[in-house]
């Protein structure tokens, strides 16, 4: 079976470009915020935080008045960035050690 790769280029309208930029910015904010929370939980309490707790944390963050901008974008990419973060952390634990 032969693998193929395709490249696509999109040309969003100004409104779509603004929505994409806002979505990516919110994803970056959520990723960094939850990563800091996970890191602090492990450093201070030696507690590992899984995806369900991170998802609940996202819900709590979205309810804060200073982060109301997170409600302007779809929740699907925000949840997906948490799944990617969890997958990356799991892969790091199961990867063979070099040397």
Protein backbone atom coordinates (compact mmCIF):
# COMPACT_ATOMS: atom_id res chain seq x y z
CA UNK A 1 0.00 0.00 0.00
CA UNK A 2 1.39 3.34 -1.01
CA UNK A 3 1.09 6.34 1.27
CA UNK A 4 0.24 9.70 -0.20
CA UNK A 5 0.43 13.19 1.14
CA UNK A 6 -1.76 16.08 0.10
CA UNK A 7 -1.23 19.76 0.72
CA UNK A 8 -4.08 22.20 0.86
CA UNK A 9 -4.02 25.95 1.04
CA UNK A 10 -6.95 27.88 2.41
CA UNK A 11 -7.85 31.48 1.78
CA UNK A 12 -10.12 32.54 4.63
CA UNK A 13 -12.22 35.65 4.48
CA UNK A 14 -11.28 38.39 6.97
CA UNK A 15 -14.07 37.24 9.32
CA UNK A 16 -12.88 33.62 9.14
CA UNK A 17 -9.27 34.70 9.68
CA UNK A 18 -10.33 36.61 12.79
CA UNK A 19 -12.24 33.61 14.14
CA UNK A 20 -9.27 31.31 13.49
CA UNK A 21 -6.89 33.71 15.22
CA UNK A 22 -9.23 34.02 18.21
CA UNK A 23 -9.63 30.23 18.39
CA UNK A 24 -5.88 29.58 18.24
CA UNK A 25 -5.27 32.25 20.88
CA UNK A 26 -7.83 30.67 23.20
CA UNK A 27 -6.32 27.24 22.64
CA UNK A 28 -2.88 28.59 23.53
CA UNK A 29 -4.29 30.23 26.67
CA UNK A 30 -6.07 27.05 27.80
CA UNK A 31 -3.07 24.82 27.05
CA UNK A 32 -0.67 27.01 29.02
CA UNK A 33 -3.10 27.61 31.87
CA UNK A 34 -3.87 23.92 32.38
CA UNK A 35 -0.21 22.96 31.94
CA UNK A 36 0.76 25.41 34.73
CA UNK A 37 -2.02 23.98 36.93
CA UNK A 38 -0.87 20.40 36.29
CA UNK A 39 2.76 21.29 36.95
CA UNK A 40 1.91 23.07 40.19
CA UNK A 41 -0.26 20.17 41.35
CA UNK A 42 2.60 17.74 40.78
CA UNK A 43 5.33 19.93 42.29
CA UNK A 44 3.38 20.92 45.39
CA UNK A 45 1.29 17.82 46.13
CA UNK A 46 2.90 15.05 44.02
CA UNK A 47 -0.54 14.61 42.43
CA UNK A 48 -1.06 13.64 38.79
CA UNK A 49 -3.91 15.35 36.99
CA UNK A 50 -5.74 13.38 34.30
CA UNK A 51 -7.97 14.45 31.45
CA UNK A 52 -11.25 14.42 33.47
CA UNK A 53 -9.80 16.80 36.07
CA UNK A 54 -8.33 19.01 33.34
CA UNK A 55 -11.70 19.15 31.59
CA UNK A 56 -13.39 20.16 34.85
CA UNK A 57 -10.70 22.81 35.31
CA UNK A 58 -11.47 24.17 31.83
CA UNK A 59 -15.14 24.46 32.78
CA UNK A 60 -14.19 26.36 35.93
CA UNK A 61 -11.86 28.65 33.98
CA UNK A 62 -14.59 29.45 31.46
CA UNK A 63 -16.93 30.56 34.27
CA UNK A 64 -14.50 33.21 35.56
CA UNK A 65 -15.41 36.78 34.55
CA UNK A 66 -11.85 37.59 33.40
CA UNK A 67 -11.84 34.62 31.01
CA UNK A 68 -15.30 35.11 29.51
CA UNK A 69 -13.64 35.41 26.08
CA UNK A 70 -13.25 31.60 26.08
CA UNK A 71 -17.01 31.30 25.62
CA UNK A 72 -16.80 33.12 22.26
CA UNK A 73 -15.12 30.18 20.52
CA UNK A 74 -16.16 26.57 20.05
CA UNK A 75 -15.42 24.28 22.98
CA UNK A 76 -14.31 21.45 20.68
CA UNK A 77 -10.80 22.81 19.94
CA UNK A 78 -10.34 23.71 23.60
CA UNK A 79 -11.17 20.16 24.69
CA UNK A 80 -8.99 18.77 21.92
CA UNK A 81 -5.95 20.72 23.11
CA UNK A 82 -6.44 19.12 26.54
CA UNK A 83 -6.55 15.68 24.91
CA UNK A 84 -3.34 16.44 23.02
CA UNK A 85 -1.70 17.60 26.23
CA UNK A 86 -2.73 14.40 28.00
CA UNK A 87 -1.51 12.25 25.11
CA UNK A 88 1.84 14.01 25.14
CA UNK A 89 2.26 13.52 28.86
CA UNK A 90 1.31 9.83 28.58
CA UNK A 91 3.74 9.25 25.72
CA UNK A 92 6.55 10.81 27.71
CA UNK A 93 5.98 8.37 30.57
CA UNK A 94 5.91 5.28 28.36
CA UNK A 95 8.75 6.19 25.99
CA UNK A 96 11.99 4.18 26.36
CA UNK A 97 14.82 6.01 28.08
CA UNK A 98 17.83 6.83 25.90
CA UNK A 99 21.22 5.46 26.83
